[in-house]
């Protein structure tokens, strides 16, 4: 982390920070591939331990026959439902911004949660509904739910706060498709540009941007890097021309080789990992493989989340008992305050905050 700026330099340094670098996306939702793998593995291990303990508490030895999902299998299931966002957006005719935002919300949610607690189908429906509101394309809840088979309004609303909380209430998302549009406009100002070629390249690049949503690239790279990588996949020449115009380097000549790579070359080399990820991972998962994962998920789902199960009922009873104890404790404090001649209980306020600090789970 950089050292904190002094008051005398903070205003001047902040004025030079690009807008994107001031966003919550830049500050909270960027990872290295290693960090992503570690986050998912740690989350999966913690979930498996918790759920195994819940099985054992319900019936000793019952977890021995359960085949829990690993982190890669969880990600496979999330990827399937990320792809289904596009189908729903096509049905409702939602714009690109809604679709891209919903997919981002879904992927971010599962960096804080596990599919063994919350099934991606339900989270996906809630993430999409939330995205319609945060992108200013709202839809009535009843209309939304009525067009999705076996879905009630409560199925969407019940998870809305959990999804928002898991996102850290960071609702604004910077997308690669918008960055691609900006690059497309820039290229039109370059000399000797064939507009027909540019239009075709843009359409192909946009297809790659949409494929990138099934990968982790947006959690690792900036939207502009992803957009340029997609353009490079569609038309290396146009991507090179744009990079050259931004770097200010002259067009390279085969007769005058240089030992120092130009800024344009360095920029294009940075795109190679992005292009590889999109080409290798940017397609829907095998349906049969996902079906097997989903079948196992039904057997290893957290019993505390299954309405009607013994574990669910026990947890519900414990929560209700804790809530009743809290109400009784507060009532006793009020009675004591009244007896002491202080109806507002100000003398107990500090102690009350300490006592109830761990009441909200």
Foldseek 3Di string as FASTA:
>chain_A
DDDDDDPVCVVVVVVPDDPVCVACCNVPQADDPVVLVVLLQVQQVVLLVVLLVLLCVQPNPPCPPADGDGSVLQLLQLLQLLVCLVVLCVVVVPDPQLSLLLLVLSVLLSSVHTCLAPPSVLSSLLSSQVSCVLVVNHDDLCVSQVVDPPGDSCSNVVCNVVSCVSVVVRRDDDALLVLLVVLLVVLVPDPPDDVVLSVQLSVQLVVLSQLCSSFCCSSHDPSNLLSLLSSCVSPVVSSLVSLCVVQVHDDDDPVDDDPDDGSSVVSNVVSVVSNVRSVPRSDRDDPVSSVVSVVSSVVSRRQCNPPPGPSVVVVVVVLVVLVVVLVVVVVVLQVVCVVVVHNVSPVCVVVNCVVCVPSPD
